[in-house]
N, C-alpha and C. Protein backbone atom coordinates (compact mmCIF):
# COMPACT_ATOMS: atom_id res chain seq x y z
N MET A 1 0.85 -1.19 0.00
CA MET A 1 0.00 0.00 0.00
C MET A 1 0.89 1.24 0.00
N ILE A 2 0.67 2.19 -0.91
CA ILE A 2 1.46 3.41 -0.99
C ILE A 2 0.83 4.46 -0.08
N THR A 3 1.64 5.10 0.73
CA THR A 3 1.16 6.15 1.60
C THR A 3 1.78 7.47 1.22
N ALA A 4 1.22 8.57 1.72
CA ALA A 4 1.76 9.88 1.41
C ALA A 4 3.18 10.03 1.96
N ARG A 5 3.49 9.36 3.06
CA ARG A 5 4.82 9.44 3.66
C ARG A 5 5.88 8.90 2.70
N ALA A 6 5.54 7.94 1.85
CA ALA A 6 6.50 7.30 0.98
C ALA A 6 6.78 8.09 -0.30
N LEU A 7 6.02 9.17 -0.54
CA LEU A 7 6.15 9.90 -1.79
C LEU A 7 6.94 11.18 -1.61
N PRO A 8 8.06 11.35 -2.28
CA PRO A 8 8.85 12.56 -2.14
C PRO A 8 8.38 13.67 -3.05
N GLY A 9 8.68 14.92 -2.66
CA GLY A 9 8.60 16.12 -3.48
C GLY A 9 7.39 16.25 -4.36
N ALA A 10 7.68 16.36 -5.70
CA ALA A 10 6.62 16.65 -6.66
C ALA A 10 5.58 15.55 -6.69
N ARG A 11 6.04 14.29 -6.49
CA ARG A 11 5.08 13.18 -6.51
C ARG A 11 4.09 13.31 -5.37
N MET A 12 4.57 13.77 -4.22
CA MET A 12 3.66 13.96 -3.09
C MET A 12 2.66 15.07 -3.39
N GLY A 13 3.13 16.13 -4.08
CA GLY A 13 2.21 17.21 -4.45
C GLY A 13 1.14 16.71 -5.40
N LEU A 14 1.54 15.85 -6.35
CA LEU A 14 0.56 15.28 -7.27
C LEU A 14 -0.43 14.40 -6.54
N TRP A 15 0.08 13.59 -5.59
CA TRP A 15 -0.80 12.74 -4.77
C TRP A 15 -1.84 13.57 -4.03
N ALA A 16 -1.36 14.66 -3.42
CA ALA A 16 -2.29 15.52 -2.67
C ALA A 16 -3.34 16.12 -3.58
N ALA A 17 -2.91 16.52 -4.79
CA ALA A 17 -3.86 17.12 -5.73
C ALA A 17 -4.91 16.11 -6.14
N LEU A 18 -4.45 14.85 -6.39
CA LEU A 18 -5.41 13.82 -6.79
C LEU A 18 -6.40 13.51 -5.68
N VAL A 19 -5.90 13.42 -4.43
CA VAL A 19 -6.79 13.15 -3.29
C VAL A 19 -7.80 14.27 -3.12
N THR A 20 -7.32 15.52 -3.21
CA THR A 20 -8.22 16.68 -3.06
C THR A 20 -9.29 16.67 -4.13
N SER A 21 -8.86 16.38 -5.38
CA SER A 21 -9.81 16.34 -6.49
C SER A 21 -10.87 15.28 -6.27
N ALA A 22 -10.44 14.10 -5.79
CA ALA A 22 -11.40 13.02 -5.54
C ALA A 22 -12.39 13.38 -4.46
N LEU A 23 -11.88 14.03 -3.38
CA LEU A 23 -12.77 14.42 -2.29
C LEU A 23 -13.79 15.45 -2.75
N LEU A 24 -13.34 16.40 -3.58
CA LEU A 24 -14.26 17.41 -4.09
C LEU A 24 -15.31 16.78 -4.98
N ALA A 25 -14.92 15.79 -5.77
CA ALA A 25 -15.87 15.12 -6.66
C ALA A 25 -16.95 14.43 -5.86
N VAL A 26 -16.56 13.78 -4.74
CA VAL A 26 -17.54 13.12 -3.88
C VAL A 26 -18.45 14.13 -3.22
N ALA A 27 -17.84 15.22 -2.71
CA ALA A 27 -18.63 16.23 -2.00
C ALA A 27 -19.62 16.91 -2.91
N CYS A 28 -19.25 17.07 -4.20
CA CYS A 28 -20.11 17.81 -5.13
C CYS A 28 -21.05 16.89 -5.91
N ALA A 29 -20.96 15.59 -5.72
CA ALA A 29 -21.81 14.67 -6.45
C ALA A 29 -23.26 14.89 -6.09
N PRO A 30 -24.16 14.93 -7.08
CA PRO A 30 -25.57 15.17 -6.78
C PRO A 30 -26.17 14.03 -5.99
N SER A 31 -27.03 14.36 -5.02
CA SER A 31 -27.70 13.33 -4.23
C SER A 31 -28.86 12.76 -5.03
N SER A 32 -29.42 11.65 -4.54
CA SER A 32 -30.57 11.05 -5.20
C SER A 32 -31.71 12.05 -5.25
N PRO A 33 -32.33 12.24 -6.43
CA PRO A 33 -33.40 13.25 -6.53
C PRO A 33 -34.57 12.91 -5.62
N LYS A 34 -35.18 13.95 -5.06
CA LYS A 34 -36.31 13.74 -4.16
C LYS A 34 -37.57 13.48 -4.98
N LEU A 35 -38.43 12.65 -4.44
CA LEU A 35 -39.67 12.32 -5.12
C LEU A 35 -40.65 13.49 -5.10
N ALA A 36 -41.45 13.57 -6.14
CA ALA A 36 -42.56 14.52 -6.20
C ALA A 36 -43.84 13.71 -6.39
N PRO A 37 -44.98 14.25 -5.96
CA PRO A 37 -46.24 13.50 -6.08
C PRO A 37 -46.59 13.14 -7.51
N ASP A 38 -46.14 13.97 -8.48
CA ASP A 38 -46.51 13.75 -9.88
C ASP A 38 -45.43 13.00 -10.66
N GLY A 39 -44.44 12.42 -9.99
CA GLY A 39 -43.44 11.63 -10.70
C GLY A 39 -42.08 11.69 -10.03
N GLY A 40 -41.23 10.76 -10.40
CA GLY A 40 -39.87 10.73 -9.87
C GLY A 40 -39.52 9.36 -9.35
N VAL A 41 -38.21 9.11 -9.26
CA VAL A 41 -37.69 7.83 -8.79
C VAL A 41 -36.61 8.10 -7.76
N GLU A 42 -36.57 7.30 -6.71
CA GLU A 42 -35.57 7.43 -5.67
C GLU A 42 -35.10 6.05 -5.25
N ARG A 43 -33.80 5.92 -4.93
CA ARG A 43 -33.27 4.65 -4.45
C ARG A 43 -32.67 4.83 -3.07
N GLY A 44 -32.74 3.77 -2.29
CA GLY A 44 -32.17 3.83 -0.95
C GLY A 44 -32.56 2.59 -0.17
N ILE A 45 -32.50 2.69 1.15
CA ILE A 45 -32.81 1.57 2.03
C ILE A 45 -34.22 1.72 2.60
N ALA A 46 -35.01 0.66 2.50
CA ALA A 46 -36.34 0.62 3.10
C ALA A 46 -36.29 -0.19 4.38
N SER A 47 -37.12 0.19 5.33
CA SER A 47 -37.32 -0.59 6.56
C SER A 47 -38.82 -0.80 6.72
N TRP A 48 -39.22 -1.50 7.79
CA TRP A 48 -40.65 -1.70 8.01
C TRP A 48 -40.97 -1.60 9.49
N TYR A 49 -42.23 -1.30 9.80
CA TYR A 49 -42.66 -1.24 11.20
C TYR A 49 -43.97 -1.99 11.35
N GLY A 50 -44.14 -2.63 12.51
CA GLY A 50 -45.26 -3.55 12.64
C GLY A 50 -45.97 -3.54 13.96
N PRO A 51 -45.93 -4.67 14.70
CA PRO A 51 -46.79 -4.86 15.89
C PRO A 51 -46.70 -3.75 16.93
N GLY A 52 -45.52 -3.20 17.16
CA GLY A 52 -45.37 -2.17 18.19
C GLY A 52 -46.14 -0.90 17.89
N PHE A 53 -46.53 -0.71 16.62
CA PHE A 53 -47.23 0.52 16.22
C PHE A 53 -48.67 0.25 15.78
N HIS A 54 -49.05 -1.02 15.71
CA HIS A 54 -50.38 -1.38 15.20
C HIS A 54 -51.47 -0.73 16.05
N GLY A 55 -52.38 -0.02 15.39
CA GLY A 55 -53.48 0.64 16.08
C GLY A 55 -53.18 2.05 16.53
N ARG A 56 -51.93 2.46 16.46
CA ARG A 56 -51.60 3.83 16.87
C ARG A 56 -51.95 4.82 15.77
N GLN A 57 -52.09 6.07 16.16
CA GLN A 57 -52.44 7.10 15.19
C GLN A 57 -51.22 7.48 14.36
N THR A 58 -51.38 7.53 13.04
CA THR A 58 -50.30 7.97 12.16
C THR A 58 -50.32 9.49 12.05
N ALA A 59 -49.32 10.03 11.36
CA ALA A 59 -49.24 11.48 11.20
C ALA A 59 -50.40 12.03 10.38
N SER A 60 -51.02 11.20 9.54
CA SER A 60 -52.16 11.66 8.74
C SER A 60 -53.46 11.67 9.53
N GLY A 61 -53.45 11.08 10.72
CA GLY A 61 -54.66 10.98 11.52
C GLY A 61 -55.30 9.61 11.46
N GLU A 62 -54.89 8.78 10.49
CA GLU A 62 -55.40 7.42 10.40
C GLU A 62 -54.78 6.56 11.51
N ARG A 63 -55.42 5.44 11.80
CA ARG A 63 -54.83 4.44 12.68
C ARG A 63 -53.95 3.53 11.85
N TYR A 64 -52.75 3.26 12.35
CA TYR A 64 -51.84 2.39 11.61
C TYR A 64 -52.35 0.96 11.61
N ASP A 65 -52.45 0.37 10.44
CA ASP A 65 -52.86 -1.02 10.27
C ASP A 65 -51.72 -1.75 9.59
N MET A 66 -51.03 -2.61 10.33
CA MET A 66 -49.85 -3.27 9.76
C MET A 66 -50.22 -4.27 8.67
N HIS A 67 -51.52 -4.59 8.54
CA HIS A 67 -51.97 -5.53 7.51
C HIS A 67 -52.38 -4.82 6.22
N ALA A 68 -52.37 -3.49 6.22
CA ALA A 68 -52.71 -2.71 5.03
C ALA A 68 -51.44 -2.34 4.27
N LEU A 69 -51.58 -2.05 2.99
CA LEU A 69 -50.42 -1.69 2.16
C LEU A 69 -50.20 -0.18 2.23
N THR A 70 -49.49 0.23 3.27
CA THR A 70 -49.23 1.65 3.50
C THR A 70 -47.75 1.85 3.78
N ALA A 71 -47.37 3.15 3.90
CA ALA A 71 -45.96 3.46 4.13
C ALA A 71 -45.82 4.83 4.76
N ALA A 72 -44.64 5.04 5.36
CA ALA A 72 -44.27 6.35 5.89
C ALA A 72 -43.16 6.91 5.01
N HIS A 73 -43.31 8.18 4.61
CA HIS A 73 -42.31 8.85 3.76
C HIS A 73 -42.07 10.25 4.32
N PRO A 74 -40.85 10.77 4.22
CA PRO A 74 -40.54 12.06 4.84
C PRO A 74 -41.28 13.25 4.24
N THR A 75 -41.56 13.24 2.92
CA THR A 75 -42.06 14.45 2.27
C THR A 75 -43.31 14.30 1.42
N LEU A 76 -43.58 13.13 0.90
CA LEU A 76 -44.72 12.98 -0.02
C LEU A 76 -46.05 13.24 0.68
N PRO A 77 -46.97 13.95 0.03
CA PRO A 77 -48.28 14.19 0.64
C PRO A 77 -49.01 12.89 0.96
N PHE A 78 -49.81 12.94 2.00
CA PHE A 78 -50.59 11.77 2.39
C PHE A 78 -51.53 11.38 1.25
N GLY A 79 -51.61 10.09 0.98
CA GLY A 79 -52.46 9.59 -0.09
C GLY A 79 -51.71 9.30 -1.37
N THR A 80 -50.45 9.74 -1.48
CA THR A 80 -49.67 9.45 -2.67
C THR A 80 -49.44 7.96 -2.80
N GLU A 81 -49.64 7.43 -4.00
CA GLU A 81 -49.37 6.01 -4.25
C GLU A 81 -47.94 5.85 -4.75
N VAL A 82 -47.22 4.89 -4.17
CA VAL A 82 -45.81 4.68 -4.48
C VAL A 82 -45.59 3.21 -4.80
N GLU A 83 -44.85 2.94 -5.88
CA GLU A 83 -44.46 1.58 -6.20
C GLU A 83 -43.05 1.33 -5.66
N VAL A 84 -42.91 0.30 -4.85
CA VAL A 84 -41.64 -0.02 -4.21
C VAL A 84 -41.11 -1.32 -4.80
N THR A 85 -39.89 -1.29 -5.33
CA THR A 85 -39.26 -2.48 -5.92
C THR A 85 -38.06 -2.90 -5.09
N ASN A 86 -38.05 -4.14 -4.65
CA ASN A 86 -36.89 -4.70 -3.94
C ASN A 86 -35.82 -5.00 -4.99
N LEU A 87 -34.71 -4.28 -4.94
CA LEU A 87 -33.67 -4.41 -5.96
C LEU A 87 -32.91 -5.74 -5.86
N ASP A 88 -33.05 -6.44 -4.75
CA ASP A 88 -32.35 -7.72 -4.59
C ASP A 88 -33.11 -8.90 -5.19
N ASN A 89 -34.46 -8.79 -5.25
CA ASN A 89 -35.23 -9.92 -5.78
C ASN A 89 -36.24 -9.53 -6.86
N GLY A 90 -36.37 -8.23 -7.15
CA GLY A 90 -37.26 -7.78 -8.21
C GLY A 90 -38.73 -7.71 -7.84
N ARG A 91 -39.08 -8.09 -6.61
CA ARG A 91 -40.49 -8.07 -6.21
C ARG A 91 -40.97 -6.64 -5.98
N LYS A 92 -42.25 -6.39 -6.30
CA LYS A 92 -42.80 -5.04 -6.23
C LYS A 92 -44.07 -5.01 -5.40
N VAL A 93 -44.36 -3.84 -4.85
CA VAL A 93 -45.61 -3.63 -4.14
C VAL A 93 -46.00 -2.16 -4.29
N ARG A 94 -47.29 -1.92 -4.35
CA ARG A 94 -47.77 -0.54 -4.42
C ARG A 94 -48.39 -0.17 -3.07
N VAL A 95 -47.96 0.95 -2.50
CA VAL A 95 -48.41 1.37 -1.16
C VAL A 95 -48.94 2.79 -1.22
N ARG A 96 -49.68 3.14 -0.17
CA ARG A 96 -50.21 4.50 -0.03
C ARG A 96 -49.54 5.17 1.16
N VAL A 97 -49.03 6.38 0.97
CA VAL A 97 -48.36 7.10 2.05
C VAL A 97 -49.40 7.66 3.01
N ASN A 98 -49.29 7.28 4.30
CA ASN A 98 -50.21 7.82 5.30
C ASN A 98 -49.51 8.19 6.61
N ASP A 99 -48.17 8.21 6.57
CA ASP A 99 -47.43 8.49 7.80
C ASP A 99 -46.12 9.18 7.45
N ARG A 100 -45.46 9.77 8.45
CA ARG A 100 -44.17 10.40 8.27
C ARG A 100 -43.07 9.49 8.79
N GLY A 101 -41.88 9.66 8.26
CA GLY A 101 -40.74 8.84 8.58
C GLY A 101 -40.13 8.35 7.28
N PRO A 102 -39.13 7.49 7.29
CA PRO A 102 -38.39 7.05 8.47
C PRO A 102 -37.48 8.15 8.99
N PHE A 103 -36.95 7.95 10.20
CA PHE A 103 -36.18 9.00 10.85
C PHE A 103 -34.70 8.65 10.99
N LEU A 104 -34.25 7.59 10.35
CA LEU A 104 -32.83 7.29 10.26
C LEU A 104 -32.29 7.83 8.94
N LYS A 105 -31.09 8.36 8.95
CA LYS A 105 -30.56 9.09 7.81
C LYS A 105 -30.52 8.28 6.52
N ASN A 106 -30.19 7.00 6.61
CA ASN A 106 -29.99 6.23 5.39
C ASN A 106 -31.25 5.53 4.90
N ARG A 107 -32.41 5.82 5.46
CA ARG A 107 -33.66 5.17 5.05
C ARG A 107 -34.50 6.13 4.21
N VAL A 108 -35.15 5.60 3.17
CA VAL A 108 -35.97 6.43 2.31
C VAL A 108 -37.47 6.19 2.49
N ILE A 109 -37.84 5.04 3.06
CA ILE A 109 -39.26 4.74 3.25
C ILE A 109 -39.41 3.67 4.32
N ASP A 110 -40.50 3.76 5.09
CA ASP A 110 -40.86 2.75 6.09
C ASP A 110 -42.14 2.07 5.60
N LEU A 111 -42.10 0.77 5.42
CA LEU A 111 -43.26 0.03 4.91
C LEU A 111 -44.05 -0.62 6.05
N SER A 112 -45.33 -0.82 5.79
CA SER A 112 -46.13 -1.62 6.73
C SER A 112 -45.64 -3.07 6.67
N ARG A 113 -46.06 -3.85 7.65
CA ARG A 113 -45.65 -5.27 7.66
C ARG A 113 -46.13 -5.98 6.40
N ALA A 114 -47.38 -5.71 6.00
CA ALA A 114 -47.93 -6.37 4.80
C ALA A 114 -47.12 -6.03 3.56
N ALA A 115 -46.72 -4.77 3.44
CA ALA A 115 -45.93 -4.35 2.27
C ALA A 115 -44.55 -4.99 2.30
N ALA A 116 -43.96 -5.06 3.49
CA ALA A 116 -42.64 -5.69 3.63
C ALA A 116 -42.70 -7.17 3.26
N GLU A 117 -43.78 -7.84 3.66
CA GLU A 117 -43.95 -9.26 3.31
C GLU A 117 -44.06 -9.42 1.80
N ALA A 118 -44.76 -8.48 1.16
CA ALA A 118 -44.99 -8.59 -0.28
C ALA A 118 -43.70 -8.55 -1.10
N ILE A 119 -42.68 -7.84 -0.59
CA ILE A 119 -41.42 -7.77 -1.34
C ILE A 119 -40.29 -8.58 -0.68
N GLY A 120 -40.64 -9.40 0.32
CA GLY A 120 -39.69 -10.34 0.89
C GLY A 120 -38.60 -9.72 1.73
N MET A 121 -38.96 -8.75 2.59
CA MET A 121 -37.93 -8.13 3.43
C MET A 121 -38.22 -8.24 4.92
N ILE A 122 -39.17 -9.09 5.31
CA ILE A 122 -39.48 -9.25 6.74
C ILE A 122 -38.27 -9.78 7.51
N GLY A 123 -37.66 -10.85 7.01
CA GLY A 123 -36.53 -11.45 7.71
C GLY A 123 -35.34 -10.52 7.85
N PRO A 124 -34.82 -9.97 6.74
CA PRO A 124 -33.68 -9.07 6.83
C PRO A 124 -33.99 -7.78 7.58
N GLY A 125 -35.23 -7.33 7.51
CA GLY A 125 -35.61 -6.09 8.19
C GLY A 125 -35.44 -4.85 7.35
N THR A 126 -34.50 -4.88 6.41
CA THR A 126 -34.29 -3.77 5.48
C THR A 126 -34.02 -4.36 4.09
N ALA A 127 -34.10 -3.49 3.08
CA ALA A 127 -33.81 -3.92 1.71
C ALA A 127 -33.43 -2.71 0.88
N ARG A 128 -32.61 -2.96 -0.14
CA ARG A 128 -32.31 -1.92 -1.12
C ARG A 128 -33.51 -1.82 -2.05
N VAL A 129 -34.07 -0.62 -2.19
CA VAL A 129 -35.28 -0.47 -2.98
C VAL A 129 -35.19 0.70 -3.93
N GLN A 130 -36.06 0.64 -4.92
CA GLN A 130 -36.36 1.80 -5.77
C GLN A 130 -37.80 2.16 -5.54
N ILE A 131 -38.09 3.44 -5.32
CA ILE A 131 -39.47 3.86 -5.12
C ILE A 131 -39.83 4.89 -6.19
N ALA A 132 -41.03 4.74 -6.72
CA ALA A 132 -41.51 5.64 -7.78
C ALA A 132 -42.96 5.99 -7.51
N THR A 133 -43.29 7.25 -7.65
CA THR A 133 -44.67 7.67 -7.43
C THR A 133 -45.53 7.24 -8.60
N ARG A 134 -46.77 6.86 -8.29
CA ARG A 134 -47.69 6.35 -9.31
C ARG A 134 -49.03 7.08 -9.33
N GLY A 135 -49.18 8.07 -8.49
CA GLY A 135 -50.44 8.79 -8.49
C GLY A 135 -50.38 10.03 -7.63
N ALA A 136 -51.07 11.09 -8.06
CA ALA A 136 -51.11 12.32 -7.28
C ALA A 136 -51.93 12.12 -6.02
N ALA A 137 -51.59 12.86 -5.00
CA ALA A 137 -52.27 12.72 -3.72
C ALA A 137 -53.56 13.52 -3.68
N PRO A 138 -54.54 13.05 -2.93
CA PRO A 138 -55.71 13.89 -2.67
C PRO A 138 -55.34 15.01 -1.71
N VAL A 139 -56.27 15.89 -1.47
CA VAL A 139 -56.03 17.01 -0.56
C VAL A 139 -55.77 16.49 0.85
N GLU A 140 -54.75 17.02 1.50
CA GLU A 140 -54.44 16.62 2.87
C GLU A 140 -55.52 17.16 3.82
N PRO A 141 -55.60 16.59 5.02
CA PRO A 141 -56.48 17.18 6.02
C PRO A 141 -56.18 18.66 6.19
N VAL A 142 -57.22 19.45 6.36
CA VAL A 142 -57.06 20.90 6.32
C VAL A 142 -56.17 21.42 7.44
N ARG A 143 -56.33 20.90 8.65
CA ARG A 143 -55.59 21.44 9.79
C ARG A 143 -55.08 20.33 10.70
N TYR A 144 -54.06 20.70 11.48
CA TYR A 144 -53.48 19.78 12.45
C TYR A 144 -53.41 20.47 13.81
N ALA A 145 -53.43 19.67 14.86
CA ALA A 145 -53.24 20.18 16.22
C ALA A 145 -52.26 19.26 16.94
N VAL A 146 -51.83 19.70 18.11
CA VAL A 146 -50.94 18.90 18.93
C VAL A 146 -51.70 18.45 20.17
N GLN A 147 -51.75 17.15 20.39
CA GLN A 147 -52.44 16.61 21.56
C GLN A 147 -51.42 16.32 22.65
N ALA A 148 -51.56 17.02 23.77
CA ALA A 148 -50.60 16.89 24.87
C ALA A 148 -50.98 15.80 25.86
N GLY A 149 -52.24 15.34 25.81
CA GLY A 149 -52.65 14.28 26.73
C GLY A 149 -54.11 13.94 26.54
N ALA A 150 -54.48 12.73 26.94
CA ALA A 150 -55.88 12.29 26.89
C ALA A 150 -56.19 11.59 28.22
N PHE A 151 -57.23 12.07 28.89
CA PHE A 151 -57.54 11.59 30.25
C PHE A 151 -59.02 11.22 30.36
N GLN A 152 -59.30 10.24 31.19
CA GLN A 152 -60.68 9.95 31.53
C GLN A 152 -61.13 10.79 32.72
N ASP A 153 -60.17 11.37 33.41
CA ASP A 153 -60.44 12.27 34.54
C ASP A 153 -60.35 13.72 34.05
N LEU A 154 -61.47 14.42 34.01
CA LEU A 154 -61.50 15.80 33.51
C LEU A 154 -60.58 16.71 34.31
N ALA A 155 -60.49 16.50 35.61
CA ALA A 155 -59.66 17.37 36.45
C ALA A 155 -58.19 17.29 36.03
N ARG A 156 -57.73 16.12 35.66
CA ARG A 156 -56.34 15.97 35.23
C ARG A 156 -56.09 16.68 33.91
N ALA A 157 -57.06 16.61 33.01
CA ALA A 157 -56.93 17.32 31.73
C ALA A 157 -56.90 18.82 31.94
N GLU A 158 -57.76 19.33 32.81
CA GLU A 158 -57.80 20.76 33.06
C GLU A 158 -56.53 21.23 33.77
N GLU A 159 -55.96 20.37 34.61
CA GLU A 159 -54.72 20.71 35.30
C GLU A 159 -53.57 20.86 34.30
N LEU A 160 -53.47 19.94 33.34
CA LEU A 160 -52.43 20.02 32.33
C LEU A 160 -52.63 21.24 31.44
N ALA A 161 -53.87 21.52 31.05
CA ALA A 161 -54.16 22.68 30.21
C ALA A 161 -53.76 23.97 30.91
N ALA A 162 -54.05 24.07 32.20
CA ALA A 162 -53.70 25.27 32.96
C ALA A 162 -52.19 25.45 33.05
N ARG A 163 -51.48 24.35 33.12
CA ARG A 163 -50.01 24.43 33.22
C ARG A 163 -49.39 24.87 31.90
N LEU A 164 -50.00 24.47 30.78
CA LEU A 164 -49.44 24.79 29.47
C LEU A 164 -49.89 26.14 28.93
N CYS A 165 -51.05 26.58 29.37
CA CYS A 165 -51.68 27.77 28.80
C CYS A 165 -50.81 29.03 28.80
N PRO A 166 -50.05 29.35 29.85
CA PRO A 166 -49.28 30.60 29.83
C PRO A 166 -48.17 30.63 28.78
N ARG A 167 -47.72 29.47 28.30
CA ARG A 167 -46.54 29.46 27.43
C ARG A 167 -46.79 28.92 26.03
N PHE A 168 -47.96 28.35 25.79
CA PHE A 168 -48.21 27.74 24.48
C PHE A 168 -49.54 28.24 23.91
N PRO A 169 -49.68 28.21 22.56
CA PRO A 169 -50.85 28.82 21.93
C PRO A 169 -52.12 27.98 22.02
N ALA A 170 -53.23 28.66 22.20
CA ALA A 170 -54.56 28.08 22.03
C ALA A 170 -54.72 26.71 22.67
N VAL A 171 -54.51 26.65 23.99
CA VAL A 171 -54.69 25.39 24.72
C VAL A 171 -56.17 25.21 25.05
N GLU A 172 -56.69 24.02 24.78
CA GLU A 172 -58.09 23.76 25.10
C GLU A 172 -58.27 22.30 25.47
N VAL A 173 -59.37 22.03 26.16
CA VAL A 173 -59.74 20.66 26.52
C VAL A 173 -60.96 20.28 25.69
N ARG A 174 -60.83 19.21 24.90
CA ARG A 174 -61.94 18.69 24.10
C ARG A 174 -62.43 17.40 24.72
N SER A 175 -63.74 17.30 24.97
CA SER A 175 -64.32 16.12 25.63
C SER A 175 -65.34 15.45 24.71
N ASP A 176 -65.36 14.11 24.74
CA ASP A 176 -66.35 13.38 23.95
C ASP A 176 -67.25 12.51 24.83
N GLY A 177 -67.22 12.77 26.14
CA GLY A 177 -68.04 12.00 27.06
C GLY A 177 -67.25 10.95 27.80
N SER A 178 -66.24 10.38 27.16
CA SER A 178 -65.40 9.36 27.79
C SER A 178 -63.97 9.86 28.02
N TRP A 179 -63.46 10.59 27.03
CA TRP A 179 -62.08 11.07 27.09
C TRP A 179 -62.04 12.59 27.02
N HIS A 180 -61.07 13.14 27.72
CA HIS A 180 -60.86 14.59 27.75
C HIS A 180 -59.45 14.85 27.22
N ARG A 181 -59.37 15.44 26.03
CA ARG A 181 -58.10 15.60 25.33
C ARG A 181 -57.62 17.05 25.41
N VAL A 182 -56.35 17.20 25.77
CA VAL A 182 -55.73 18.53 25.84
C VAL A 182 -55.04 18.78 24.50
N ARG A 183 -55.53 19.79 23.77
CA ARG A 183 -54.99 20.08 22.45
C ARG A 183 -54.47 21.51 22.38
N LEU A 184 -53.45 21.69 21.55
CA LEU A 184 -52.81 22.99 21.40
C LEU A 184 -52.76 23.37 19.93
N GLY A 185 -53.13 24.63 19.67
CA GLY A 185 -52.93 25.19 18.34
C GLY A 185 -53.80 24.59 17.26
N GLU A 186 -53.65 25.19 16.07
CA GLU A 186 -54.32 24.72 14.86
C GLU A 186 -53.44 25.15 13.70
N PHE A 187 -52.91 24.16 12.96
CA PHE A 187 -51.88 24.45 11.96
C PHE A 187 -52.30 23.94 10.58
N PRO A 188 -51.95 24.67 9.51
CA PRO A 188 -52.30 24.22 8.16
C PRO A 188 -51.40 23.11 7.63
N HIS A 189 -50.22 22.93 8.26
CA HIS A 189 -49.26 21.93 7.78
C HIS A 189 -48.78 21.07 8.95
N TRP A 190 -48.59 19.78 8.67
CA TRP A 190 -48.13 18.83 9.68
C TRP A 190 -46.81 19.27 10.28
N GLU A 191 -45.89 19.79 9.44
CA GLU A 191 -44.56 20.13 9.91
C GLU A 191 -44.60 21.22 10.99
N LEU A 192 -45.51 22.18 10.84
CA LEU A 192 -45.63 23.25 11.84
C LEU A 192 -46.10 22.68 13.18
N ALA A 193 -47.07 21.79 13.12
CA ALA A 193 -47.54 21.16 14.36
C ALA A 193 -46.45 20.31 14.99
N ASP A 194 -45.65 19.65 14.14
CA ASP A 194 -44.59 18.79 14.67
C ASP A 194 -43.51 19.61 15.38
N ASP A 195 -43.28 20.84 14.94
CA ASP A 195 -42.33 21.72 15.65
C ASP A 195 -42.78 21.93 17.10
N LEU A 196 -44.08 22.18 17.27
CA LEU A 196 -44.62 22.37 18.61
C LEU A 196 -44.55 21.07 19.42
N ARG A 197 -44.85 19.95 18.76
CA ARG A 197 -44.76 18.65 19.45
C ARG A 197 -43.36 18.43 20.01
N ARG A 198 -42.34 18.77 19.22
CA ARG A 198 -40.96 18.56 19.68
C ARG A 198 -40.62 19.49 20.84
N ARG A 199 -41.14 20.71 20.82
CA ARG A 199 -40.94 21.62 21.96
C ARG A 199 -41.53 21.03 23.23
N LEU A 200 -42.73 20.48 23.12
CA LEU A 200 -43.37 19.88 24.29
C LEU A 200 -42.61 18.64 24.76
N ARG A 201 -42.12 17.85 23.83
CA ARG A 201 -41.35 16.66 24.19
C ARG A 201 -40.12 17.02 25.00
N ARG A 202 -39.47 18.13 24.62
CA ARG A 202 -38.27 18.56 25.36
C ARG A 202 -38.61 18.95 26.79
N GLU A 203 -39.86 19.28 27.04
CA GLU A 203 -40.30 19.64 28.38
C GLU A 203 -40.94 18.46 29.11
N GLY A 204 -40.83 17.28 28.51
CA GLY A 204 -41.32 16.09 29.18
C GLY A 204 -42.78 15.77 28.94
N VAL A 205 -43.42 16.45 27.97
CA VAL A 205 -44.83 16.19 27.65
C VAL A 205 -44.89 15.28 26.44
N ALA A 206 -45.47 14.11 26.58
CA ALA A 206 -45.52 13.12 25.50
C ALA A 206 -46.63 13.47 24.52
N ALA A 207 -46.40 14.49 23.71
CA ALA A 207 -47.41 15.00 22.78
C ALA A 207 -47.36 14.26 21.44
N VAL A 208 -48.47 14.33 20.71
CA VAL A 208 -48.54 13.75 19.36
C VAL A 208 -49.28 14.73 18.46
N VAL A 209 -48.99 14.66 17.16
CA VAL A 209 -49.71 15.48 16.18
C VAL A 209 -50.95 14.73 15.74
N VAL A 210 -52.09 15.44 15.70
CA VAL A 210 -53.34 14.81 15.26
C VAL A 210 -53.96 15.63 14.13
N ALA A 211 -54.64 14.96 13.24
CA ALA A 211 -55.34 15.64 12.15
C ALA A 211 -56.74 16.01 12.61
N LEU A 212 -57.16 17.23 12.31
CA LEU A 212 -58.49 17.69 12.66
C LEU A 212 -59.42 17.40 11.49
N ARG A 213 -60.42 16.59 11.73
CA ARG A 213 -61.35 16.18 10.66
C ARG A 213 -62.54 17.10 10.60
């Protein structure tokens, strides 16, 4: 193996120039293009999520069903249809985006358990995939809010609302007869509500973003 220490004078200067050029080429190389609802292709690593999330509310407001063909994507509007191809075995599945994620840097999409089974990635847990949009999304839910807690005891809900009210916007308690939910704000975009959710999380409040129907 040749090292920089072994190269004298001009040869070392040439070595350094070649290394610098290579590093610049890597740094300036275009990243994989981001998907758009009306078309585009992206490659990367897919993962899947299942039993631990089954029945929980997704970012779109739907309940996660691990037996449905759905997926989480960082940017595509909810309702976008995406075709996912496992590059290792050629198997394909079409899913509907209804959640946000994945949240690991090298992942491009999180599939439901059913979708992961369809392309043969349950065992490995991840797969190299190509994803392509196949349909424009319907209109997203009009507004989002942040839910800071849900209680069957009204007094506990009102106590939390009173604690949050001086520092956070539009705190209210919504009751349906069985549950009393503490909600904050009303936002036109999921990302804005998620900013508030993260602020609350830093203060120890286990908040979630909910879609207002």
